[in-house]
Amino acid sequence: MKKIILFLICFGFAVPAFADKGVVVKEDVCGTGNVIIETTDGWYVAAEHYSGVYLYEGDVVFGKLKKYGFTEITRNDGRSGRFYIEDYESNIEDAFEELCD
């Protein structure tokens, strides 16, 4: 039993270590469910919603945020959705442009 609990604790800390972390700073950008996420290292991610959970301003999220294409983004509560990462930019205006062009 102790080994199972130890495994679950280690696994729970290992998964987020390989993911980017961010906060949703804008929701419903130029389309239903599209968001801009500010990562902990200062990038603004333009993400288009495709399925699953919707994200709202203030949500803390995890996932491969700095990669182009489809990815799964997970909220702090464990619910996730499928998003398409259009781009990640150093300023928020460029991220808006990616979602709204």
N, C-alpha and C. Protein backbone atom coordinates (compact mmCIF):
# COMPACT_ATOMS: atom_id res chain seq x y z
N MET A 1 0.82 -1.19 0.00
CA MET A 1 0.00 0.00 0.00
C MET A 1 0.87 1.26 0.00
N LYS A 2 1.94 1.24 0.80
CA LYS A 2 2.82 2.40 0.87
C LYS A 2 3.48 2.67 -0.48
N LYS A 3 3.82 1.60 -1.21
CA LYS A 3 4.45 1.76 -2.52
C LYS A 3 3.50 2.41 -3.51
N ILE A 4 2.23 2.05 -3.45
CA ILE A 4 1.23 2.63 -4.35
C ILE A 4 1.06 4.12 -4.06
N ILE A 5 0.96 4.46 -2.81
CA ILE A 5 0.81 5.88 -2.42
C ILE A 5 2.05 6.67 -2.83
N LEU A 6 3.23 6.12 -2.60
CA LEU A 6 4.48 6.79 -3.00
C LEU A 6 4.52 6.98 -4.50
N PHE A 7 4.13 5.97 -5.27
CA PHE A 7 4.10 6.07 -6.73
C PHE A 7 3.15 7.18 -7.18
N LEU A 8 1.95 7.23 -6.60
CA LEU A 8 0.97 8.25 -6.98
C LEU A 8 1.47 9.66 -6.64
N ILE A 9 2.12 9.80 -5.52
CA ILE A 9 2.66 11.11 -5.15
C ILE A 9 3.75 11.53 -6.12
N CYS A 10 4.67 10.63 -6.43
CA CYS A 10 5.76 10.95 -7.38
C CYS A 10 5.22 11.24 -8.76
N PHE A 11 4.27 10.45 -9.22
CA PHE A 11 3.69 10.65 -10.54
C PHE A 11 2.95 11.98 -10.60
N GLY A 12 2.25 12.35 -9.54
CA GLY A 12 1.51 13.61 -9.50
C GLY A 12 2.40 14.83 -9.61
N PHE A 13 3.62 14.74 -9.08
CA PHE A 13 4.55 15.86 -9.18
C PHE A 13 5.34 15.84 -10.48
N ALA A 14 5.51 14.68 -11.08
CA ALA A 14 6.32 14.57 -12.29
C ALA A 14 5.60 15.11 -13.52
N VAL A 15 4.31 14.88 -13.65
CA VAL A 15 3.58 15.31 -14.85
C VAL A 15 3.59 16.82 -15.01
N PRO A 16 3.23 17.62 -13.98
CA PRO A 16 3.28 19.06 -14.16
C PRO A 16 4.69 19.60 -14.43
N ALA A 17 5.72 18.87 -14.01
CA ALA A 17 7.09 19.33 -14.22
C ALA A 17 7.43 19.42 -15.70
N PHE A 18 6.78 18.63 -16.54
CA PHE A 18 7.06 18.63 -17.97
C PHE A 18 6.12 19.53 -18.75
N ALA A 19 5.21 20.20 -18.07
CA ALA A 19 4.23 21.05 -18.73
C ALA A 19 4.54 22.52 -18.47
N ASP A 20 4.09 23.35 -19.42
CA ASP A 20 4.15 24.79 -19.20
C ASP A 20 2.98 25.17 -18.30
N LYS A 21 3.15 26.26 -17.57
CA LYS A 21 2.09 26.76 -16.70
C LYS A 21 1.76 28.18 -17.14
N GLY A 22 0.48 28.53 -17.07
CA GLY A 22 0.08 29.87 -17.43
C GLY A 22 -1.23 30.26 -16.80
N VAL A 23 -1.64 31.51 -17.06
CA VAL A 23 -2.91 32.05 -16.58
C VAL A 23 -3.64 32.63 -17.77
N VAL A 24 -4.93 32.32 -17.89
CA VAL A 24 -5.74 32.88 -18.96
C VAL A 24 -5.93 34.36 -18.67
N VAL A 25 -5.52 35.22 -19.63
CA VAL A 25 -5.65 36.67 -19.44
C VAL A 25 -6.77 37.27 -20.29
N LYS A 26 -7.19 36.56 -21.35
CA LYS A 26 -8.33 37.01 -22.17
C LYS A 26 -9.10 35.79 -22.64
N GLU A 27 -10.43 35.87 -22.56
CA GLU A 27 -11.29 34.78 -23.02
C GLU A 27 -12.16 35.26 -24.17
N ASP A 28 -12.68 34.31 -24.94
CA ASP A 28 -13.55 34.58 -26.09
C ASP A 28 -12.97 35.64 -27.03
N VAL A 29 -11.73 35.46 -27.40
CA VAL A 29 -11.04 36.39 -28.29
C VAL A 29 -11.40 36.04 -29.73
N CYS A 30 -12.13 36.93 -30.40
CA CYS A 30 -12.47 36.77 -31.83
C CYS A 30 -13.03 35.40 -32.16
N GLY A 31 -13.80 34.84 -31.28
CA GLY A 31 -14.43 33.54 -31.52
C GLY A 31 -14.68 32.81 -30.23
N THR A 32 -15.70 32.00 -30.22
CA THR A 32 -16.11 31.28 -29.01
C THR A 32 -15.01 30.36 -28.52
N GLY A 33 -14.59 30.59 -27.31
CA GLY A 33 -13.64 29.70 -26.65
C GLY A 33 -12.18 30.02 -26.88
N ASN A 34 -11.86 30.92 -27.81
CA ASN A 34 -10.46 31.25 -28.04
C ASN A 34 -9.92 32.06 -26.87
N VAL A 35 -8.67 31.79 -26.48
CA VAL A 35 -8.10 32.44 -25.30
C VAL A 35 -6.67 32.88 -25.56
N ILE A 36 -6.24 33.81 -24.72
CA ILE A 36 -4.84 34.17 -24.65
C ILE A 36 -4.37 33.82 -23.24
N ILE A 37 -3.26 33.08 -23.21
CA ILE A 37 -2.69 32.61 -21.95
C ILE A 37 -1.32 33.25 -21.78
N GLU A 38 -1.08 33.81 -20.60
CA GLU A 38 0.25 34.32 -20.29
C GLU A 38 1.00 33.24 -19.52
N THR A 39 2.12 32.78 -20.08
CA THR A 39 2.91 31.74 -19.41
C THR A 39 3.74 32.34 -18.29
N THR A 40 4.22 31.47 -17.43
CA THR A 40 5.01 31.95 -16.29
C THR A 40 6.33 32.58 -16.72
N ASP A 41 6.79 32.26 -17.95
CA ASP A 41 8.02 32.88 -18.43
C ASP A 41 7.77 34.05 -19.38
N GLY A 42 6.52 34.58 -19.39
CA GLY A 42 6.24 35.84 -20.07
C GLY A 42 5.74 35.77 -21.50
N TRP A 43 5.45 34.62 -22.05
CA TRP A 43 4.91 34.51 -23.41
C TRP A 43 3.40 34.62 -23.39
N TYR A 44 2.83 35.12 -24.48
CA TYR A 44 1.38 35.19 -24.66
C TYR A 44 1.00 34.17 -25.72
N VAL A 45 0.21 33.19 -25.32
CA VAL A 45 -0.15 32.07 -26.18
C VAL A 45 -1.53 32.30 -26.76
N ALA A 46 -1.64 32.25 -28.10
CA ALA A 46 -2.93 32.37 -28.79
C ALA A 46 -3.45 30.96 -29.03
N ALA A 47 -4.55 30.60 -28.35
CA ALA A 47 -5.07 29.23 -28.40
C ALA A 47 -6.53 29.23 -28.87
N GLU A 48 -6.81 28.42 -29.89
CA GLU A 48 -8.17 28.25 -30.40
C GLU A 48 -8.81 27.03 -29.77
N HIS A 49 -10.02 27.19 -29.26
CA HIS A 49 -10.75 26.09 -28.62
C HIS A 49 -11.32 25.16 -29.68
N TYR A 50 -11.15 23.84 -29.48
CA TYR A 50 -11.74 22.85 -30.39
C TYR A 50 -12.72 21.93 -29.69
N SER A 51 -12.41 21.51 -28.47
CA SER A 51 -13.34 20.64 -27.75
C SER A 51 -12.98 20.63 -26.26
N GLY A 52 -13.90 20.13 -25.48
CA GLY A 52 -13.66 20.01 -24.05
C GLY A 52 -13.96 21.28 -23.30
N VAL A 53 -13.31 21.43 -22.18
CA VAL A 53 -13.59 22.51 -21.25
C VAL A 53 -13.26 23.88 -21.86
N TYR A 54 -14.08 24.86 -21.53
CA TYR A 54 -13.78 26.25 -21.89
C TYR A 54 -12.92 26.85 -20.79
N LEU A 55 -12.08 27.79 -21.18
CA LEU A 55 -11.22 28.46 -20.21
C LEU A 55 -11.70 29.89 -20.01
N TYR A 56 -11.53 30.38 -18.78
CA TYR A 56 -12.00 31.71 -18.43
C TYR A 56 -10.87 32.52 -17.81
N GLU A 57 -10.97 33.84 -17.89
CA GLU A 57 -9.94 34.70 -17.32
C GLU A 57 -9.67 34.33 -15.87
N GLY A 58 -8.39 34.22 -15.56
CA GLY A 58 -7.98 33.87 -14.21
C GLY A 58 -7.71 32.39 -14.01
N ASP A 59 -8.14 31.53 -14.94
CA ASP A 59 -7.87 30.09 -14.82
C ASP A 59 -6.37 29.83 -14.90
N VAL A 60 -5.87 29.03 -13.98
CA VAL A 60 -4.48 28.57 -14.05
C VAL A 60 -4.50 27.29 -14.87
N VAL A 61 -3.62 27.21 -15.89
CA VAL A 61 -3.64 26.08 -16.81
C VAL A 61 -2.25 25.48 -16.99
N PHE A 62 -2.24 24.21 -17.43
CA PHE A 62 -1.02 23.47 -17.68
C PHE A 62 -1.13 22.78 -19.03
N GLY A 63 -0.01 22.58 -19.69
CA GLY A 63 0.04 21.86 -20.95
C GLY A 63 1.25 22.27 -21.75
N LYS A 64 1.37 21.72 -22.93
CA LYS A 64 2.46 22.12 -23.84
C LYS A 64 2.00 23.39 -24.55
N LEU A 65 2.20 24.51 -23.91
CA LEU A 65 1.68 25.78 -24.39
C LEU A 65 2.56 26.41 -25.45
N LYS A 66 3.82 26.09 -25.45
CA LYS A 66 4.74 26.71 -26.41
C LYS A 66 5.13 25.70 -27.49
N LYS A 67 4.10 25.15 -28.13
CA LYS A 67 4.29 24.28 -29.28
C LYS A 67 3.15 24.56 -30.23
N TYR A 68 3.43 24.52 -31.51
CA TYR A 68 2.39 24.80 -32.51
C TYR A 68 1.53 23.56 -32.74
N GLY A 69 0.26 23.81 -33.04
CA GLY A 69 -0.64 22.70 -33.36
C GLY A 69 -1.54 22.33 -32.20
N PHE A 70 -2.14 21.15 -32.31
CA PHE A 70 -3.09 20.69 -31.30
C PHE A 70 -2.38 20.26 -30.02
N THR A 71 -3.00 20.60 -28.90
CA THR A 71 -2.50 20.21 -27.59
C THR A 71 -3.66 20.16 -26.60
N GLU A 72 -3.45 19.45 -25.53
CA GLU A 72 -4.44 19.39 -24.46
C GLU A 72 -4.02 20.37 -23.37
N ILE A 73 -4.96 21.21 -22.97
CA ILE A 73 -4.71 22.18 -21.90
C ILE A 73 -5.60 21.81 -20.73
N THR A 74 -4.99 21.74 -19.55
CA THR A 74 -5.70 21.30 -18.35
C THR A 74 -5.78 22.43 -17.34
N ARG A 75 -6.99 22.63 -16.79
CA ARG A 75 -7.17 23.62 -15.72
C ARG A 75 -6.69 23.04 -14.40
N ASN A 76 -6.60 23.91 -13.41
CA ASN A 76 -6.21 23.49 -12.06
C ASN A 76 -7.14 22.44 -11.47
N ASP A 77 -8.40 22.43 -11.87
CA ASP A 77 -9.36 21.47 -11.33
C ASP A 77 -9.28 20.10 -12.00
N GLY A 78 -8.37 19.94 -12.96
CA GLY A 78 -8.17 18.65 -13.62
C GLY A 78 -8.95 18.47 -14.91
N ARG A 79 -9.89 19.36 -15.21
CA ARG A 79 -10.65 19.25 -16.45
C ARG A 79 -9.81 19.82 -17.59
N SER A 80 -9.95 19.23 -18.79
CA SER A 80 -9.11 19.66 -19.90
C SER A 80 -9.90 19.80 -21.18
N GLY A 81 -9.25 20.42 -22.15
CA GLY A 81 -9.84 20.61 -23.47
C GLY A 81 -8.77 20.55 -24.54
N ARG A 82 -9.21 20.39 -25.77
CA ARG A 82 -8.30 20.34 -26.90
C ARG A 82 -8.26 21.72 -27.55
N PHE A 83 -7.05 22.24 -27.69
CA PHE A 83 -6.84 23.57 -28.25
C PHE A 83 -5.81 23.50 -29.37
N TYR A 84 -5.90 24.46 -30.27
CA TYR A 84 -4.90 24.59 -31.33
C TYR A 84 -4.08 25.83 -31.02
N ILE A 85 -2.77 25.65 -30.82
CA ILE A 85 -1.89 26.76 -30.53
C ILE A 85 -1.49 27.42 -31.85
N GLU A 86 -2.03 28.61 -32.07
CA GLU A 86 -1.72 29.38 -33.28
C GLU A 86 -0.29 29.89 -33.24
N ASP A 87 0.08 30.45 -32.09
CA ASP A 87 1.40 31.04 -31.95
C ASP A 87 1.60 31.42 -30.49
N TYR A 88 2.83 31.73 -30.15
CA TYR A 88 3.12 32.36 -28.86
C TYR A 88 4.02 33.55 -29.13
N GLU A 89 3.67 34.65 -28.50
CA GLU A 89 4.28 35.95 -28.81
C GLU A 89 4.81 36.60 -27.54
N SER A 90 5.72 37.57 -27.73
CA SER A 90 6.27 38.28 -26.59
C SER A 90 5.39 39.42 -26.12
N ASN A 91 4.37 39.82 -26.93
CA ASN A 91 3.43 40.84 -26.44
C ASN A 91 2.00 40.43 -26.80
N ILE A 92 1.08 40.91 -26.00
CA ILE A 92 -0.31 40.48 -26.10
C ILE A 92 -0.99 40.93 -27.39
N GLU A 93 -0.59 42.07 -27.93
CA GLU A 93 -1.20 42.56 -29.16
C GLU A 93 -0.96 41.61 -30.33
N ASP A 94 0.24 41.05 -30.40
CA ASP A 94 0.54 40.09 -31.47
C ASP A 94 -0.26 38.80 -31.30
N ALA A 95 -0.48 38.39 -30.06
CA ALA A 95 -1.31 37.20 -29.80
C ALA A 95 -2.75 37.45 -30.26
N PHE A 96 -3.29 38.65 -29.98
CA PHE A 96 -4.62 39.01 -30.45
C PHE A 96 -4.69 38.92 -31.98
N GLU A 97 -3.69 39.46 -32.64
CA GLU A 97 -3.65 39.46 -34.09
C GLU A 97 -3.68 38.03 -34.66
N GLU A 98 -2.99 37.11 -34.00
CA GLU A 98 -2.98 35.71 -34.45
C GLU A 98 -4.38 35.11 -34.43
N LEU A 99 -5.16 35.44 -33.41
CA LEU A 99 -6.50 34.86 -33.28
C LEU A 99 -7.54 35.60 -34.13
N CYS A 100 -7.27 36.84 -34.47
CA CYS A 100 -8.29 37.67 -35.09
C CYS A 100 -8.04 37.98 -36.58
N ASP A 101 -7.01 37.41 -37.19
CA ASP A 101 -6.75 37.70 -38.60
C ASP A 101 -7.55 36.82 -39.54
